[in-house]
PDB file of N, CA and C in Angstrom:
ATOM      1  N   MET A   1       0.831  -1.168   0.000  1.00  0.00           N
ATOM      2  CA  MET A   1       0.000   0.000   0.000  1.00  0.00           C
ATOM      3  C   MET A   1       0.880   1.237   0.000  1.00  0.00           C
ATOM      4  N   SER A   2       0.624   2.178  -0.855  1.00  0.00           N
ATOM      5  CA  SER A   2       1.418   3.401  -0.916  1.00  0.00           C
ATOM      6  C   SER A   2       0.863   4.424   0.060  1.00  0.00           C
ATOM      7  N   GLU A   3       1.589   5.526   0.193  1.00  0.00           N
ATOM      8  CA  GLU A   3       1.171   6.568   1.152  1.00  0.00           C
ATOM      9  C   GLU A   3      -0.126   7.228   0.748  1.00  0.00           C
ATOM     10  N   SER A   4      -0.406   7.316  -0.545  1.00  0.00           N
ATOM     11  CA  SER A   4      -1.629   7.982  -0.992  1.00  0.00           C
ATOM     12  C   SER A   4      -2.855   7.102  -0.814  1.00  0.00           C
ATOM     13  N   GLU A   5      -2.675   5.802  -0.585  1.00  0.00           N
ATOM     14  CA  GLU A   5      -3.796   4.877  -0.425  1.00  0.00           C
ATOM     15  C   GLU A   5      -3.983   4.523   1.049  1.00  0.00           C
ATOM     16  N   THR A   6      -4.399   5.444   1.857  1.00  0.00           N
ATOM     17  CA  THR A   6      -4.658   5.176   3.274  1.00  0.00           C
ATOM     18  C   THR A   6      -6.040   4.560   3.427  1.00  0.00           C
ATOM     19  N   PRO A   7      -6.264   3.747   4.442  1.00  0.00           N
ATOM     20  CA  PRO A   7      -7.580   3.120   4.618  1.00  0.00           C
ATOM     21  C   PRO A   7      -8.707   4.134   4.708  1.00  0.00           C
ATOM     22  N   GLN A   8      -8.469   5.234   5.334  1.00  0.00           N
ATOM     23  CA  GLN A   8      -9.495   6.262   5.455  1.00  0.00           C
ATOM     24  C   GLN A   8      -8.814   7.601   5.262  1.00  0.00           C
ATOM     25  N   SER A   9      -9.127   8.275   4.195  1.00  0.00           N
ATOM     26  CA  SER A   9      -8.478   9.554   3.963  1.00  0.00           C
ATOM     27  C   SER A   9      -9.008  10.585   4.943  1.00  0.00           C
ATOM     28  N   ALA A  10      -8.235  11.614   5.188  1.00  0.00           N
ATOM     29  CA  ALA A  10      -8.611  12.643   6.162  1.00  0.00           C
ATOM     30  C   ALA A  10      -9.848  13.401   5.730  1.00  0.00           C
ATOM     31  N   ALA A  11     -10.065  13.546   4.437  1.00  0.00           N
ATOM     32  CA  ALA A  11     -11.222  14.297   3.951  1.00  0.00           C
ATOM     33  C   ALA A  11     -12.522  13.538   4.184  1.00  0.00           C
ATOM     34  N   GLY A  12     -12.474  12.210   4.176  1.00  0.00           N
ATOM     35  CA  GLY A  12     -13.696  11.430   4.324  1.00  0.00           C
ATOM     36  C   GLY A  12     -13.890  10.858   5.713  1.00  0.00           C
ATOM     37  N   ALA A  13     -13.053  11.218   6.651  1.00  0.00           N
ATOM     38  CA  ALA A  13     -13.141  10.657   7.996  1.00  0.00           C
ATOM     39  C   ALA A  13     -14.317  11.259   8.751  1.00  0.00           C
ATOM     40  N   ILE A  14     -14.951  10.445   9.538  1.00  0.00           N
ATOM     41  CA  ILE A  14     -16.060  10.908  10.384  1.00  0.00           C
ATOM     42  C   ILE A  14     -15.517  11.080  11.793  1.00  0.00           C
ATOM     43  N   LEU A  15     -15.623  12.271  12.268  1.00  0.00           N
ATOM     44  CA  LEU A  15     -15.148  12.579  13.609  1.00  0.00           C
ATOM     45  C   LEU A  15     -16.346  12.683  14.547  1.00  0.00           C
ATOM     46  N   SER A  16     -16.234  12.105  15.705  1.00  0.00           N
ATOM     47  CA  SER A  16     -17.320  12.219  16.676  1.00  0.00           C
ATOM     48  C   SER A  16     -16.910  13.225  17.744  1.00  0.00           C
ATOM     49  N   PHE A  17     -17.750  14.182  17.921  1.00  0.00           N
ATOM     50  CA  PHE A  17     -17.520  15.195  18.931  1.00  0.00           C
ATOM     51  C   PHE A  17     -18.392  14.878  20.134  1.00  0.00           C
ATOM     52  N   PRO A  18     -17.864  15.045  21.331  1.00  0.00           N
ATOM     53  CA  PRO A  18     -18.699  14.779  22.510  1.00  0.00           C
ATOM     54  C   PRO A  18     -19.839  15.777  22.587  1.00  0.00           C
ATOM     55  N   SER A  19     -21.000  15.266  22.903  1.00  0.00           N
ATOM     56  CA  SER A  19     -22.153  16.154  23.035  1.00  0.00           C
ATOM     57  C   SER A  19     -22.038  16.935  24.340  1.00  0.00           C
ATOM     58  N   PRO A  20     -22.537  18.152  24.363  1.00  0.00           N
ATOM     59  CA  PRO A  20     -22.461  18.924  25.609  1.00  0.00           C
ATOM     60  C   PRO A  20     -23.283  18.237  26.690  1.00  0.00           C
ATOM     61  N   ALA A  21     -22.719  18.165  27.861  1.00  0.00           N
ATOM     62  CA  ALA A  21     -23.388  17.484  28.972  1.00  0.00           C
ATOM     63  C   ALA A  21     -24.581  18.298  29.431  1.00  0.00           C
ATOM     64  N   ARG A  22     -25.758  17.718  29.273  1.00  0.00           N
ATOM     65  CA  ARG A  22     -26.974  18.363  29.770  1.00  0.00           C
ATOM     66  C   ARG A  22     -27.226  17.886  31.184  1.00  0.00           C
ATOM     67  N   PRO A  23     -27.532  18.784  32.069  1.00  0.00           N
ATOM     68  CA  PRO A  23     -27.843  18.328  33.421  1.00  0.00           C
ATOM     69  C   PRO A  23     -29.143  17.526  33.405  1.00  0.00           C
ATOM     70  N   ALA A  24     -29.101  16.373  33.998  1.00  0.00           N
ATOM     71  CA  ALA A  24     -30.289  15.519  34.049  1.00  0.00           C
ATOM     72  C   ALA A  24     -31.280  16.091  35.053  1.00  0.00           C
ATOM     73  N   THR A  25     -32.543  16.084  34.691  1.00  0.00           N
ATOM     74  CA  THR A  25     -33.562  16.563  35.616  1.00  0.00           C
ATOM     75  C   THR A  25     -34.007  15.413  36.500  1.00  0.00           C
ATOM     76  N   VAL A  26     -34.399  15.732  37.693  1.00  0.00           N
ATOM     77  CA  VAL A  26     -34.897  14.743  38.642  1.00  0.00           C
ATOM     78  C   VAL A  26     -36.389  14.572  38.384  1.00  0.00           C
ATOM     79  N   THR A  27     -36.834  13.333  38.293  1.00  0.00           N
ATOM     80  CA  THR A  27     -38.245  13.048  38.023  1.00  0.00           C
ATOM     81  C   THR A  27     -38.758  12.002  39.003  1.00  0.00           C
ATOM     82  N   PHE A  28     -40.066  11.864  39.039  1.00  0.00           N
ATOM     83  CA  PHE A  28     -40.697  10.782  39.777  1.00  0.00           C
ATOM     84  C   PHE A  28     -40.856   9.613  38.815  1.00  0.00           C
ATOM     85  N   ASP A  29     -40.586   8.395  39.272  1.00  0.00           N
ATOM     86  CA  ASP A  29     -40.799   7.244  38.399  1.00  0.00           C
ATOM     87  C   ASP A  29     -42.264   6.809  38.483  1.00  0.00           C
ATOM     88  N   ARG A  30     -42.607   5.772  37.739  1.00  0.00           N
ATOM     89  CA  ARG A  30     -43.999   5.325  37.645  1.00  0.00           C
ATOM     90  C   ARG A  30     -44.567   4.915  39.004  1.00  0.00           C
ATOM     91  N   ARG A  31     -43.804   4.196  39.795  1.00  0.00           N
ATOM     92  CA  ARG A  31     -44.268   3.751  41.117  1.00  0.00           C
ATOM     93  C   ARG A  31     -44.522   4.945  42.027  1.00  0.00           C
ATOM     94  N   GLU A  32     -43.604   5.915  42.020  1.00  0.00           N
ATOM     95  CA  GLU A  32     -43.760   7.105  42.869  1.00  0.00           C
ATOM     96  C   GLU A  32     -44.971   7.916  42.442  1.00  0.00           C
ATOM     97  N   LEU A  33     -45.147   8.105  41.132  1.00  0.00           N
ATOM     98  CA  LEU A  33     -46.319   8.844  40.652  1.00  0.00           C
ATOM     99  C   LEU A  33     -47.613   8.126  41.018  1.00  0.00           C
ATOM    100  N   SER A  34     -47.601   6.819  40.970  1.00  0.00           N
ATOM    101  CA  SER A  34     -48.786   6.052  41.341  1.00  0.00           C
ATOM    102  C   SER A  34     -49.146   6.297  42.808  1.00  0.00           C
ATOM    103  N   GLU A  35     -48.157   6.256  43.681  1.00  0.00           N
ATOM    104  CA  GLU A  35     -48.412   6.515  45.110  1.00  0.00           C
ATOM    105  C   GLU A  35     -48.919   7.931  45.329  1.00  0.00           C
ATOM    106  N   LEU A  36     -48.304   8.902  44.660  1.00  0.00           N
ATOM    107  CA  LEU A  36     -48.709  10.301  44.820  1.00  0.00           C
ATOM    108  C   LEU A  36     -50.129  10.526  44.316  1.00  0.00           C
ATOM    109  N   LEU A  37     -50.458   9.983  43.154  1.00  0.00           N
ATOM    110  CA  LEU A  37     -51.793  10.195  42.593  1.00  0.00           C
ATOM    111  C   LEU A  37     -52.867   9.406  43.341  1.00  0.00           C
ATOM    112  N   ASN A  38     -52.521   8.265  43.927  1.00  0.00           N
ATOM    113  CA  ASN A  38     -53.482   7.545  44.765  1.00  0.00           C
ATOM    114  C   ASN A  38     -53.843   8.364  45.998  1.00  0.00           C
ATOM    115  N   LEU A  39     -52.835   8.931  46.650  1.00  0.00           N
ATOM    116  CA  LEU A  39     -53.096   9.799  47.806  1.00  0.00           C
ATOM    117  C   LEU A  39     -53.903  11.017  47.380  1.00  0.00           C
ATOM    118  N   TYR A  40     -53.534  11.612  46.257  1.00  0.00           N
ATOM    119  CA  TYR A  40     -54.254  12.790  45.756  1.00  0.00           C
ATOM    120  C   TYR A  40     -55.724  12.448  45.492  1.00  0.00           C
ATOM    121  N   GLY A  41     -55.986  11.306  44.880  1.00  0.00           N
ATOM    122  CA  GLY A  41     -57.365  10.901  44.603  1.00  0.00           C
ATOM    123  C   GLY A  41     -58.187  10.713  45.868  1.00  0.00           C
ATOM    124  N   ARG A  42     -57.578  10.108  46.891  1.00  0.00           N
ATOM    125  CA  ARG A  42     -58.296   9.934  48.165  1.00  0.00           C
ATOM    126  C   ARG A  42     -58.604  11.283  48.810  1.00  0.00           C
ATOM    127  N   MET A  43     -57.654  12.206  48.759  1.00  0.00           N
ATOM    128  CA  MET A  43     -57.864  13.515  49.381  1.00  0.00           C
ATOM    129  C   MET A  43     -58.867  14.362  48.593  1.00  0.00           C
ATOM    130  N   VAL A  44     -58.914  14.212  47.280  1.00  0.00           N
ATOM    131  CA  VAL A  44     -59.930  14.903  46.476  1.00  0.00           C
ATOM    132  C   VAL A  44     -61.305  14.343  46.815  1.00  0.00           C
ATOM    133  N   ALA A  45     -61.408  13.027  46.943  1.00  0.00           N
ATOM    134  CA  ALA A  45     -62.684  12.404  47.296  1.00  0.00           C
ATOM    135  C   ALA A  45     -63.151  12.855  48.684  1.00  0.00           C
ATOM    136  N   ALA A  46     -62.213  13.128  49.577  1.00  0.00           N
ATOM    137  CA  ALA A  46     -62.556  13.607  50.917  1.00  0.00           C
ATOM    138  C   ALA A  46     -62.850  15.107  50.926  1.00  0.00           C
ATOM    139  N   GLY A  47     -62.638  15.788  49.814  1.00  0.00           N
ATOM    140  CA  GLY A  47     -62.908  17.226  49.735  1.00  0.00           C
ATOM    141  C   GLY A  47     -61.790  18.092  50.280  1.00  0.00           C
ATOM    142  N   GLU A  48     -60.619  17.532  50.542  1.00  0.00           N
ATOM    143  CA  GLU A  48     -59.501  18.280  51.126  1.00  0.00           C
ATOM    144  C   GLU A  48     -58.696  19.039  50.070  1.00  0.00           C
ATOM    145  N   TRP A  49     -58.408  18.373  48.958  1.00  0.00           N
ATOM    146  CA  TRP A  49     -57.552  18.958  47.920  1.00  0.00           C
ATOM    147  C   TRP A  49     -58.339  19.096  46.628  1.00  0.00           C
ATOM    148  N   ARG A  50     -57.912  20.060  45.789  1.00  0.00           N
ATOM    149  CA  ARG A  50     -58.619  20.258  44.521  1.00  0.00           C
ATOM    150  C   ARG A  50     -57.714  20.357  43.312  1.00  0.00           C
ATOM    151  N   ASP A  51     -56.428  20.590  43.495  1.00  0.00           N
ATOM    152  CA  ASP A  51     -55.538  20.773  42.358  1.00  0.00           C
ATOM    153  C   ASP A  51     -54.137  20.321  42.738  1.00  0.00           C
ATOM    154  N   TYR A  52     -53.322  20.035  41.737  1.00  0.00           N
ATOM    155  CA  TYR A  52     -51.927  19.667  41.985  1.00  0.00           C
ATOM    156  C   TYR A  52     -51.042  20.198  40.867  1.00  0.00           C
ATOM    157  N   ALA A  53     -49.758  20.221  41.135  1.00  0.00           N
ATOM    158  CA  ALA A  53     -48.758  20.626  40.143  1.00  0.00           C
ATOM    159  C   ALA A  53     -47.520  19.770  40.344  1.00  0.00           C
ATOM    160  N   ILE A  54     -46.858  19.442  39.242  1.00  0.00           N
ATOM    161  CA  ILE A  54     -45.622  18.677  39.301  1.00  0.00           C
ATOM    162  C   ILE A  54     -44.523  19.516  38.655  1.00  0.00           C
ATOM    163  N   ASP A  55     -43.415  19.673  39.363  1.00  0.00           N
ATOM    164  CA  ASP A  55     -42.267  20.421  38.855  1.00  0.00           C
ATOM    165  C   ASP A  55     -41.057  19.504  38.821  1.00  0.00           C
ATOM    166  N   PHE A  56     -40.405  19.422  37.663  1.00  0.00           N
ATOM    167  CA  PHE A  56     -39.173  18.661  37.521  1.00  0.00           C
ATOM    168  C   PHE A  56     -38.038  19.655  37.324  1.00  0.00           C
ATOM    169  N   LEU A  57     -37.162  19.757  38.306  1.00  0.00           N
ATOM    170  CA  LEU A  57     -36.048  20.698  38.267  1.00  0.00           C
ATOM    171  C   LEU A  57     -34.734  19.933  38.125  1.00  0.00           C
ATOM    172  N   LYS A  58     -33.636  20.669  38.010  1.00  0.00           N
ATOM    173  CA  LYS A  58     -32.333  20.017  37.884  1.00  0.00           C
ATOM    174  C   LYS A  58     -31.970  19.222  39.126  1.00  0.00           C
ATOM    175  N   ASP A  59     -32.237  19.782  40.291  1.00  0.00           N
ATOM    176  CA  ASP A  59     -31.770  19.160  41.528  1.00  0.00           C
ATOM    177  C   ASP A  59     -32.861  18.461  42.333  1.00  0.00           C
ATOM    178  N   LYS A  60     -34.137  18.689  42.008  1.00  0.00           N
ATOM    179  CA  LYS A  60     -35.212  18.033  42.757  1.00  0.00           C
ATOM    180  C   LYS A  60     -36.504  18.019  41.952  1.00  0.00           C
ATOM    181  N   ALA A  61     -37.433  17.171  42.388  1.00  0.00           N
ATOM    182  CA  ALA A  61     -38.768  17.099  41.804  1.00  0.00           C
ATOM    183  C   ALA A  61     -39.774  17.410  42.907  1.00  0.00           C
ATOM    184  N   GLN A  62     -40.850  18.120  42.549  1.00  0.00           N
ATOM    185  CA  GLN A  62     -41.853  18.509  43.547  1.00  0.00           C
ATOM    186  C   GLN A  62     -43.248  18.162  43.056  1.00  0.00           C
ATOM    187  N   PHE A  63     -44.052  17.648  43.972  1.00  0.00           N
ATOM    188  CA  PHE A  63     -45.477  17.416  43.740  1.00  0.00           C
ATOM    189  C   PHE A  63     -46.193  18.310  44.737  1.00  0.00           C
ATOM    190  N   SER A  64     -46.852  19.346  44.252  1.00  0.00           N
ATOM    191  CA  SER A  64     -47.521  20.320  45.121  1.00  0.00           C
ATOM    192  C   SER A  64     -49.025  20.109  45.059  1.00  0.00           C
ATOM    193  N   VAL A  65     -49.697  20.218  46.213  1.00  0.00           N
ATOM    194  CA  VAL A  65     -51.150  20.076  46.258  1.00  0.00           C
ATOM    195  C   VAL A  65     -51.758  21.377  46.779  1.00  0.00           C
ATOM    196  N   PHE A  66     -52.950  21.683  46.242  1.00  0.00           N
ATOM    197  CA  PHE A  66     -53.619  22.948  46.541  1.00  0.00           C
ATOM    198  C   PHE A  66     -55.055  22.701  46.986  1.00  0.00           C
ATOM    199  N   ARG A  67     -55.533  23.554  47.868  1.00  0.00           N
ATOM    200  CA  ARG A  67     -56.960  23.540  48.199  1.00  0.00           C
ATOM    201  C   ARG A  67     -57.722  24.253  47.084  1.00  0.00           C
ATOM    202  N   ARG A  68     -57.182  25.360  46.622  1.00  0.00           N
ATOM    203  CA  ARG A  68     -57.693  26.086  45.454  1.00  0.00           C
ATOM    204  C   ARG A  68     -56.494  26.418  44.578  1.00  0.00           C
ATOM    205  N   SER A  69     -56.697  26.424  43.285  1.00  0.00           N
ATOM    206  CA  SER A  69     -55.556  26.606  42.384  1.00  0.00           C
ATOM    207  C   SER A  69     -54.964  28.013  42.451  1.00  0.00           C
ATOM    208  N   SER A  70     -55.691  28.969  43.002  1.00  0.00           N
ATOM    209  CA  SER A  70     -55.177  30.336  43.079  1.00  0.00           C
ATOM    210  C   SER A  70     -54.357  30.590  44.339  1.00  0.00           C
ATOM    211  N   GLU A  71     -54.245  29.606  45.204  1.00  0.00           N
ATOM    212  CA  GLU A  71     -53.539  29.781  46.472  1.00  0.00           C
ATOM    213  C   GLU A  71     -52.132  29.202  46.420  1.00  0.00           C
ATOM    214  N   MET A  72     -51.428  29.392  47.514  1.00  0.00           N
ATOM    215  CA  MET A  72     -50.136  28.734  47.708  1.00  0.00           C
ATOM    216  C   MET A  72     -50.394  27.246  47.937  1.00  0.00           C
ATOM    217  N   PRO A  73     -49.431  26.387  47.633  1.00  0.00           N
ATOM    218  CA  PRO A  73     -49.671  24.959  47.867  1.00  0.00           C
ATOM    219  C   PRO A  73     -49.795  24.644  49.357  1.00  0.00           C
ATOM    220  N   LEU A  74     -50.719  23.745  49.684  1.00  0.00           N
ATOM    221  CA  LEU A  74     -50.868  23.296  51.073  1.00  0.00           C
ATOM    222  C   LEU A  74     -49.646  22.493  51.492  1.00  0.00           C
ATOM    223  N   TYR A  75     -49.235  21.569  50.620  1.00  0.00           N
ATOM    224  CA  TYR A  75     -48.093  20.707  50.897  1.00  0.00           C
ATOM    225  C   TYR A  75     -47.279  20.534  49.620  1.00  0.00           C
ATOM    226  N   ARG A  76     -46.005  20.309  49.811  1.00  0.00           N
ATOM    227  CA  ARG A  76     -45.114  19.957  48.704  1.00  0.00           C
ATOM    228  C   ARG A  76     -44.415  18.658  49.074  1.00  0.00           C
ATOM    229  N   ILE A  77     -44.511  17.671  48.208  1.00  0.00           N
ATOM    230  CA  ILE A  77     -43.772  16.428  48.386  1.00  0.00           C
ATOM    231  C   ILE A  77     -42.540  16.563  47.496  1.00  0.00           C
ATOM    232  N   VAL A  78     -41.372  16.559  48.112  1.00  0.00           N
ATOM    233  CA  VAL A  78     -40.130  16.861  47.406  1.00  0.00           C
ATOM    234  C   VAL A  78     -39.252  15.619  47.339  1.00  0.00           C
ATOM    235  N   LYS A  79     -38.720  15.359  46.152  1.00  0.00           N
ATOM    236  CA  LYS A  79     -37.725  14.299  45.962  1.00  0.00           C
ATOM    237  C   LYS A  79     -36.398  14.989  45.670  1.00  0.00           C
ATOM    238  N   ASP A  80     -35.447  14.846  46.578  1.00  0.00           N
ATOM    239  CA  ASP A  80     -34.135  15.484  46.454  1.00  0.00           C
ATOM    240  C   ASP A  80     -33.050  14.417  46.602  1.00  0.00           C
ATOM    241  N   PRO A  81     -32.536  13.876  45.496  1.00  0.00           N
ATOM    242  CA  PRO A  81     -31.530  12.811  45.583  1.00  0.00           C
ATOM    243  C   PRO A  81     -30.247  13.237  46.289  1.00  0.00           C
ATOM    244  N   ALA A  82     -29.930  14.516  46.313  1.00  0.00           N
ATOM    245  CA  ALA A  82     -28.723  14.982  46.992  1.00  0.00           C
ATOM    246  C   ALA A  82     -28.809  14.748  48.496  1.00  0.00           C
ATOM    247  N   ALA A  83     -30.004  14.735  49.056  1.00  0.00           N
ATOM    248  CA  ALA A  83     -30.185  14.524  50.496  1.00  0.00           C
ATOM    249  C   ALA A  83     -30.445  13.060  50.841  1.00  0.00           C
ATOM    250  N   ALA A  84     -30.349  12.162  49.872  1.00  0.00           N
ATOM    251  CA  ALA A  84     -30.709  10.761  50.097  1.00  0.00           C
ATOM    252  C   ALA A  84     -29.844  10.092  51.157  1.00  0.00           C
ATOM    253  N   ARG A  85     -28.574  10.381  51.195  1.00  0.00           N
ATOM    254  CA  ARG A  85     -27.688   9.731  52.171  1.00  0.00           C
ATOM    255  C   ARG A  85     -27.810  10.329  53.564  1.00  0.00           C
ATOM    256  N   ARG A  86     -28.207  11.591  53.634  1.00  0.00           N
ATOM    257  CA  ARG A  86     -28.281  12.246  54.942  1.00  0.00           C
ATOM    258  C   ARG A  86     -29.611  11.995  55.631  1.00  0.00           C
ATOM    259  N   GLN A  87     -30.701  12.513  55.079  1.00  0.00           N
ATOM    260  CA  GLN A  87     -31.993  12.394  55.753  1.00  0.00           C
ATOM    261  C   GLN A  87     -33.009  11.602  54.951  1.00  0.00           C
ATOM    262  N   GLY A  88     -32.698  11.229  53.755  1.00  0.00           N
ATOM    263  CA  GLY A  88     -33.651  10.546  52.883  1.00  0.00           C
ATOM    264  C   GLY A  88     -34.017  11.456  51.729  1.00  0.00           C
ATOM    265  N   ALA A  89     -34.336  10.854  50.611  1.00  0.00           N
ATOM    266  CA  ALA A  89     -34.594  11.623  49.395  1.00  0.00           C
ATOM    267  C   ALA A  89     -35.949  12.318  49.405  1.00  0.00           C
ATOM    268  N   TYR A  90     -36.902  11.851  50.209  1.00  0.00           N
ATOM    269  CA  TYR A  90     -38.269  12.380  50.174  1.00  0.00           C
ATOM    270  C   TYR A  90     -38.563  13.215  51.413  1.00  0.00           C
ATOM    271  N   SER A  91     -39.344  14.273  51.198  1.00  0.00           N
ATOM    272  CA  SER A  91     -39.787  15.084  52.334  1.00  0.00           C
ATOM    273  C   SER A  91     -41.146  15.690  52.013  1.00  0.00           C
ATOM    274  N   VAL A  92     -41.923  15.921  53.065  1.00  0.00           N
ATOM    275  CA  VAL A  92     -43.209  16.609  52.956  1.00  0.00           C
ATOM    276  C   VAL A  92     -43.050  17.951  53.638  1.00  0.00           C
ATOM    277  N   VAL A  93     -43.308  19.018  52.877  1.00  0.00           N
ATOM    278  CA  VAL A  93     -43.119  20.382  53.375  1.00  0.00           C
ATOM    279  C   VAL A  93     -44.475  21.075  53.418  1.00  0.00           C
ATOM    280  N   ALA A  94     -44.800  21.674  54.551  1.00  0.00           N
ATOM    281  CA  ALA A  94     -46.061  22.408  54.713  1.00  0.00           C
ATOM    282  C   ALA A  94     -45.965  23.769  54.028  1.00  0.00           C
ATOM    283  N   ALA A  95     -47.093  24.462  53.957  1.00  0.00           N
ATOM    284  CA  ALA A  95     -47.143  25.774  53.308  1.00  0.00           C
ATOM    285  C   ALA A  95     -46.242  26.790  54.003  1.00  0.00           C
ATOM    286  N   THR A  96     -46.021  26.614  55.290  1.00  0.00           N
ATOM    287  CA  THR A  96     -45.178  27.542  56.053  1.00  0.00           C
ATOM    288  C   THR A  96     -43.689  27.276  55.863  1.00  0.00           C
ATOM    289  N   GLY A  97     -43.341  26.168  55.203  1.00  0.00           N
ATOM    290  CA  GLY A  97     -41.938  25.803  55.026  1.00  0.00           C
ATOM    291  C   GLY A  97     -41.455  24.770  56.020  1.00  0.00           C
ATOM    292  N   LEU A  98     -42.309  24.412  56.962  1.00  0.00           N
ATOM    293  CA  LEU A  98     -41.970  23.413  57.972  1.00  0.00           C
ATOM    294  C   LEU A  98     -41.919  22.030  57.334  1.00  0.00           C
ATOM    295  N   ILE A  99     -40.836  21.306  57.562  1.00  0.00           N
ATOM    296  CA  ILE A  99     -40.711  19.948  57.042  1.00  0.00           C
ATOM    297  C   ILE A  99     -41.421  19.015  58.018  1.00  0.00           C
ATOM    298  N   LEU A 100     -42.517  18.402  57.545  1.00  0.00           N
ATOM    299  CA  LEU A 100     -43.325  17.543  58.401  1.00  0.00           C
ATOM    300  C   LEU A 100     -42.708  16.166  58.578  1.00  0.00           C
ATOM    301  N   LYS A 101     -42.116  15.634  57.517  1.00  0.00           N
ATOM    302  CA  LYS A 101     -41.526  14.295  57.594  1.00  0.00           C
ATOM    303  C   LYS A 101     -40.497  14.139  56.494  1.00  0.00           C
ATOM    304  N   ARG A 102     -39.408  13.421  56.826  1.00  0.00           N
ATOM    305  CA  ARG A 102     -38.365  13.084  55.865  1.00  0.00           C
ATOM    306  C   ARG A 102     -38.134  11.586  55.918  1.00  0.00           C
ATOM    307  N   GLY A 103     -37.655  11.035  54.811  1.00  0.00           N
ATOM    308  CA  GLY A 103     -37.332   9.620  54.819  1.00  0.00           C
ATOM    309  C   GLY A 103     -36.850   9.123  53.478  1.00  0.00           C
ATOM    310  N   SER A 104     -36.447   7.870  53.462  1.00  0.00           N
ATOM    311  CA  SER A 104     -35.934   7.270  52.229  1.00  0.00           C
ATOM    312  C   SER A 104     -37.004   6.474  51.491  1.00  0.00           C
ATOM    313  N   GLU A 105     -38.157   6.246  52.128  1.00  0.00           N
ATOM    314  CA  GLU A 105     -39.264   5.531  51.486  1.00  0.00           C
ATOM    315  C   GLU A 105     -40.445   6.474  51.332  1.00  0.00           C
ATOM    316  N   LEU A 106     -40.929   6.620  50.106  1.00  0.00           N
ATOM    317  CA  LEU A 106     -42.019   7.550  49.835  1.00  0.00           C
ATOM    318  C   LEU A 106     -43.296   7.167  50.568  1.00  0.00           C
ATOM    319  N   SER A 107     -43.619   5.886  50.621  1.00  0.00           N
ATOM    320  CA  SER A 107     -44.868   5.465  51.275  1.00  0.00           C
ATOM    321  C   SER A 107     -44.888   5.840  52.750  1.00  0.00           C
ATOM    322  N   ARG A 108     -43.760   5.721  53.431  1.00  0.00           N
ATOM    323  CA  ARG A 108     -43.703   6.107  54.856  1.00  0.00           C
ATOM    324  C   ARG A 108     -43.818   7.606  55.032  1.00  0.00           C
ATOM    325  N   VAL A 109     -43.212   8.357  54.132  1.00  0.00           N
ATOM    326  CA  VAL A 109     -43.256   9.822  54.231  1.00  0.00           C
ATOM    327  C   VAL A 109     -44.671  10.329  53.978  1.00  0.00           C
ATOM    328  N   LEU A 110     -45.394   9.697  53.058  1.00  0.00           N
ATOM    329  CA  LEU A 110     -46.744  10.144  52.723  1.00  0.00           C
ATOM    330  C   LEU A 110     -47.763   9.839  53.815  1.00  0.00           C
ATOM    331  N   LYS A 111     -47.426   8.954  54.738  1.00  0.00           N
ATOM    332  CA  LYS A 111     -48.361   8.616  55.817  1.00  0.00           C
ATOM    333  C   LYS A 111     -48.676   9.812  56.700  1.00  0.00           C
ATOM    334  N   VAL A 112     -47.812  10.806  56.728  1.00  0.00           N
ATOM    335  CA  VAL A 112     -48.083  12.004  57.530  1.00  0.00           C
ATOM    336  C   VAL A 112     -49.274  12.775  56.960  1.00  0.00           C
ATOM    337  N   LEU A 113     -49.565  12.616  55.666  1.00  0.00           N
ATOM    338  CA  LEU A 113     -50.685  13.319  55.031  1.00  0.00           C
ATOM    339  C   LEU A 113     -51.948  12.486  54.933  1.00  0.00           C
ATOM    340  N   ASP A 114     -51.809  11.173  54.973  1.00  0.00           N
ATOM    341  CA  ASP A 114     -52.938  10.273  54.784  1.00  0.00           C
ATOM    342  C   ASP A 114     -53.691  10.118  56.101  1.00  0.00           C
ATOM    343  N   LYS A 115     -54.769  10.863  56.220  1.00  0.00           N
ATOM    344  CA  LYS A 115     -55.562  10.836  57.440  1.00  0.00           C
ATOM    345  C   LYS A 115     -56.514   9.651  57.394  1.00  0.00           C
ATOM    346  N   LYS A 116     -56.438   8.817  58.389  1.00  0.00           N
ATOM    347  CA  LYS A 116     -57.349   7.675  58.472  1.00  0.00           C
ATOM    348  C   LYS A 116     -58.676   8.119  59.062  1.00  0.00           C
ATOM    349  N   LEU A 117     -59.733   7.454  58.640  1.00  0.00           N
ATOM    350  CA  LEU A 117     -61.056   7.751  59.191  1.00  0.00           C
ATOM    351  C   LEU A 117     -61.139   7.227  60.610  1.00  0.00           C
ATOM    352  N   SER A 118     -61.748   7.993  61.469  1.00  0.00           N
ATOM    353  CA  SER A 118     -61.908   7.569  62.848  1.00  0.00           C
ATOM    354  C   SER A 118     -63.332   7.874  63.310  1.00  0.00           C
ATOM    355  N   VAL A 119     -63.787   7.110  64.280  1.00  0.00           N
ATOM    356  CA  VAL A 119     -65.132   7.292  64.804  1.00  0.00           C
ATOM    357  C   VAL A 119     -65.087   8.379  65.882  1.00  0.00           C
ATOM    358  N   VAL A 120     -65.940   9.345  65.743  1.00  0.00           N
ATOM    359  CA  VAL A 120     -66.023  10.429  66.721  1.00  0.00           C
ATOM    360  C   VAL A 120     -67.242  10.168  67.590  1.00  0.00           C
ATOM    361  N   GLY A 121     -67.013  10.126  68.889  1.00  0.00           N
ATOM    362  CA  GLY A 121     -68.113   9.787  69.803  1.00  0.00           C
ATOM    363  C   GLY A 121     -68.682  10.947  70.534  1.00  0.00           C
TER     364      GLY A 121
END
């Protein structure tokens, strides 16, 4: 093979450039959304909640619930993977900013909002 007969000439070579790193957004998976929407459905049926919003941000995901859509959210269920090793990835935050419960399991954290029916005497 001579010098002019290279396997791939420089003019026809395909160069791959690394794509710019996009920050991955934090989302709720199917199981988490199912738990959140089941709780939301029960609270709507009880007349407690009327609207919700889901926010997917770079560093956390939020599920906010409202009594009326024009108000501030009553509660925010936050998934923050950065806090997973310290206090748990999930937290329930009240409208005042008070963290009601933190943990690594969503079902346990949501129990603070799930009011059981009780007999009043």
